Protein backbone atom coordinates (compact mmCIF):
# COMPACT_ATOMS: atom_id res chain seq x y z
CA UNK A 1 -103.61 9.22 -38.52
CA UNK A 2 -107.27 9.22 -37.38
CA UNK A 3 -108.82 7.27 -34.54
CA UNK A 4 -112.63 6.58 -35.24
CA UNK A 5 -115.54 4.24 -34.36
CA UNK A 6 -115.42 1.24 -36.90
CA UNK A 7 -118.03 0.98 -39.57
CA UNK A 8 -119.18 -1.85 -41.69
CA UNK A 9 -116.92 -0.94 -44.44
CA UNK A 10 -113.90 -1.61 -42.17
CA UNK A 11 -114.49 -5.38 -42.21
CA UNK A 12 -111.86 -6.28 -44.76
CA UNK A 13 -109.17 -4.15 -42.97
CA UNK A 14 -110.06 -5.63 -39.63
CA UNK A 15 -109.90 -9.20 -40.99
CA UNK A 16 -106.51 -8.40 -42.51
CA UNK A 17 -105.28 -7.32 -39.04
CA UNK A 18 -106.91 -10.36 -37.36
CA UNK A 19 -105.13 -12.67 -39.89
CA UNK A 20 -101.81 -10.82 -39.15
CA UNK A 21 -102.37 -11.40 -35.50
CA UNK A 22 -103.28 -15.01 -36.03
CA UNK A 23 -99.89 -15.54 -37.86
CA UNK A 24 -97.96 -13.86 -35.14
CA UNK A 25 -99.62 -15.93 -32.33
CA UNK A 26 -99.19 -19.12 -34.29
CA UNK A 27 -95.43 -18.38 -34.60
CA UNK A 28 -95.08 -17.35 -31.07
CA UNK A 29 -96.82 -20.31 -29.42
CA UNK A 30 -97.41 -23.05 -31.99
CA UNK A 31 -98.34 -25.54 -29.26
CA UNK A 32 -101.30 -23.22 -28.31
CA UNK A 33 -102.31 -21.51 -31.47
CA UNK A 34 -103.05 -22.76 -35.05
CA UNK A 35 -103.64 -20.97 -38.37
CA UNK A 36 -107.37 -20.34 -38.59
CA UNK A 37 -109.81 -17.93 -40.19
CA UNK A 38 -112.40 -18.40 -37.39
CA UNK A 39 -111.37 -14.96 -35.57
CA UNK A 40 -112.31 -13.06 -38.66
CA UNK A 41 -115.79 -14.84 -39.03
CA UNK A 42 -117.17 -12.91 -35.95
CA UNK A 43 -116.20 -9.37 -37.18
CA UNK A 44 -119.60 -8.72 -38.47
CA UNK A 45 -121.38 -9.72 -35.41
CA UNK A 46 -119.66 -7.07 -33.48
CA UNK A 47 -121.55 -4.30 -35.21
CA UNK A 48 -124.79 -5.85 -33.95
CA UNK A 49 -123.56 -6.05 -30.34
CA UNK A 50 -124.65 -2.99 -28.30
CA UNK A 51 -122.37 -3.95 -25.50
CA UNK A 52 -119.17 -4.09 -27.65
CA UNK A 53 -117.24 -1.17 -29.07
CA UNK A 54 -114.80 -1.32 -31.92
CA UNK A 55 -112.48 1.56 -32.86
CA UNK A 56 -109.99 1.82 -35.78
CA UNK A 57 -106.66 3.60 -36.51
CA UNK A 58 -106.70 4.77 -40.08
CA UNK A 59 -103.92 6.18 -42.13
CA UNK A 60 -104.40 7.51 -45.79
CA UNK A 61 -107.47 5.29 -46.07
CA UNK A 62 -105.79 2.19 -44.78
CA UNK A 63 -106.52 0.53 -41.41
CA UNK A 64 -103.33 0.12 -39.37
CA UNK A 65 -104.81 -0.99 -36.12
CA UNK A 66 -108.11 -1.61 -34.11
CA UNK A 67 -109.39 -2.10 -30.59
CA UNK A 68 -112.40 -4.03 -29.51
CA UNK A 69 -113.80 -3.73 -26.07
CA UNK A 70 -117.06 -5.02 -24.81
CA UNK A 71 -118.77 -4.11 -21.45
CA UNK A 72 -118.71 -7.06 -19.02
CA UNK A 73 -119.97 -7.88 -15.60
CA UNK A 74 -118.08 -9.92 -12.89
CA UNK A 75 -119.57 -13.47 -12.39
CA UNK A 76 -122.43 -13.65 -10.33
CA UNK A 77 -120.89 -15.39 -7.33
CA UNK A 78 -121.61 -14.85 -3.56
CA UNK A 79 -117.96 -14.15 -2.92
CA UNK A 80 -117.58 -11.44 -5.61
CA UNK A 81 -118.53 -7.76 -5.41
CA UNK A 82 -120.70 -7.07 -8.66
CA UNK A 83 -118.67 -4.83 -10.95
CA UNK A 84 -119.07 -3.57 -14.55
CA UNK A 85 -115.80 -3.24 -16.58
CA UNK A 86 -114.67 -2.84 -19.99
CA UNK A 87 -112.64 -5.68 -21.41
CA UNK A 88 -109.96 -5.24 -24.08
CA UNK A 89 -110.83 -8.10 -26.29
CA UNK A 90 -108.54 -7.37 -29.05
CA UNK A 91 -105.90 -4.56 -29.58
CA UNK A 92 -104.00 -5.22 -32.79
CA UNK A 93 -101.56 -2.80 -34.59
CA UNK A 94 -100.09 -3.98 -37.83
CA UNK A 95 -96.42 -4.79 -37.40
CA UNK A 96 -95.32 -2.08 -39.71
CA UNK A 97 -97.15 0.50 -37.46
CA UNK A 98 -95.90 -0.71 -34.05
CA UNK A 99 -94.02 1.51 -31.84
CA UNK A 100 -95.40 4.66 -33.63
CA UNK A 101 -98.18 5.63 -31.03
CA UNK A 102 -100.96 3.76 -32.76
CA UNK A 103 -101.65 1.33 -29.86
CA UNK A 104 -101.43 4.22 -27.26
CA UNK A 105 -104.08 6.18 -29.25
CA UNK A 106 -106.31 3.36 -29.58
CA UNK A 107 -105.93 2.57 -25.75
CA UNK A 108 -106.82 6.35 -25.13
CA UNK A 109 -109.94 5.91 -27.19
CA UNK A 110 -110.87 2.92 -24.90
CA UNK A 111 -110.12 4.90 -21.81
CA UNK A 112 -112.06 7.89 -22.93
CA UNK A 113 -115.08 5.90 -23.82
CA UNK A 114 -115.00 3.99 -20.65
CA UNK A 115 -114.64 7.18 -18.49
CA UNK A 116 -117.47 8.90 -20.49
CA UNK A 117 -119.69 5.97 -19.74
CA UNK A 118 -119.05 5.89 -15.97
CA UNK A 119 -117.18 2.57 -15.95
CA UNK A 120 -114.33 2.27 -13.32
CA UNK A 121 -111.88 -0.19 -14.78
CA UNK A 122 -110.45 -1.66 -18.04
CA UNK A 123 -109.24 -5.44 -18.10
CA UNK A 124 -107.56 -7.53 -20.66
CA UNK A 125 -105.55 -10.51 -20.93
CA UNK A 126 -102.26 -11.17 -22.61
CA UNK A 127 -100.60 -14.32 -24.12
CA UNK A 128 -97.81 -15.00 -21.57
CA UNK A 129 -94.99 -15.17 -24.11
CA UNK A 130 -95.96 -12.08 -25.87
CA UNK A 131 -93.27 -9.67 -24.34
CA UNK A 132 -93.99 -6.73 -26.47
CA UNK A 133 -97.72 -6.68 -25.42
CA UNK A 134 -96.84 -7.18 -21.82
CA UNK A 135 -94.53 -4.12 -21.95
CA UNK A 136 -97.17 -2.17 -23.81
CA UNK A 137 -99.72 -2.88 -21.08
CA UNK A 138 -97.43 -2.02 -18.39
CA UNK A 139 -96.45 1.28 -20.03
CA UNK A 140 -100.12 1.94 -20.22
CA UNK A 141 -100.50 1.46 -16.38
CA UNK A 142 -102.10 -1.91 -16.26
CA UNK A 143 -101.36 -3.95 -13.07
CA UNK A 144 -100.28 -7.61 -13.12
CA UNK A 145 -103.22 -9.16 -11.24
CA UNK A 146 -102.74 -12.97 -11.79
CA UNK A 147 -101.65 -15.06 -14.57
CA UNK A 148 -102.24 -13.29 -17.87
CA UNK A 149 -104.86 -10.83 -16.73
CA UNK A 150 -104.29 -7.12 -16.40
CA UNK A 151 -106.41 -4.42 -14.90
CA UNK A 152 -106.49 -0.59 -15.15
CA UNK A 153 -108.50 1.66 -12.78
CA UNK A 154 -110.22 4.63 -14.50
CA UNK A 155 -110.29 7.97 -12.76
CA UNK A 156 -113.48 9.85 -12.96
CA UNK A 157 -114.24 13.58 -12.39
CA UNK A 158 -116.62 12.99 -9.67
CA UNK A 159 -116.00 14.38 -6.22
CA UNK A 160 -116.49 12.68 -2.95
CA UNK A 161 -115.90 9.06 -2.10
CA UNK A 162 -115.18 6.06 -4.31
CA UNK A 163 -117.52 2.94 -4.05
CA UNK A 164 -114.99 1.44 -1.56
CA UNK A 165 -115.30 4.62 0.70
CA UNK A 166 -111.92 6.00 -0.07
CA UNK A 167 -111.33 9.74 -1.17
CA UNK A 168 -111.30 9.94 -4.92
CA UNK A 169 -108.01 11.35 -6.23
CA UNK A 170 -108.10 14.62 -7.93
CA UNK A 171 -107.23 14.42 -11.58
CA UNK A 172 -106.26 16.82 -14.27
CA UNK A 173 -109.47 18.23 -15.75
CA UNK A 174 -107.73 18.39 -19.25
CA UNK A 175 -107.15 14.57 -19.18
CA UNK A 176 -110.77 14.05 -18.20
CA UNK A 177 -112.27 16.28 -20.85
CA UNK A 178 -109.98 14.67 -23.59
CA UNK A 179 -111.90 12.73 -26.22
CA UNK A 180 -110.86 10.83 -29.30
CA UNK A 181 -111.53 13.73 -31.49
CA UNK A 182 -109.15 15.90 -29.42
CA UNK A 183 -106.36 13.29 -29.46
CA UNK A 184 -103.04 14.41 -30.90
CA UNK A 185 -102.43 13.87 -34.49
CA UNK A 186 -99.81 11.37 -35.44
CA UNK A 187 -98.21 11.73 -38.86
CA UNK A 188 -98.87 9.04 -41.69
CA UNK A 189 -95.38 8.17 -42.62
């Protein structure tokens, strides 16, 4: 299995995965979701958005998962501290490939990219009834903040104090220097 940045030739595979996810969501919560091709219509526009990243998991020439994560800013409200964060917009792994480490590797790609770009947190939201996704994000270290929103602080190799004035925890240099290209290889079986 290989984790890499998505390219235009991946659109068909990404659409297939979005369609699979749409079917799952429709069956999970039919009062909230309906069958639609609308999610796949926005795929091409992602490649034109400099604030958004998309990475794919590929095995034997077939896409088995992808992660999309745009950079976002907190709302400009007087009561909020301005922050930049990465938002996990989509993390989809084909049902046949779930529980095989694909989602974890895609999440590590997002973590590495976030860390390498000096951004301090990842956020996402999860459909409340999607127990497998909730369990996955908890295993990944996301905190339950409120409702269906999750957050994961990213540790940086910088020394000294954090933005909040707290000492930065020391971290394993091997973890900090890991990149997607150095990610462990998973078998395509």
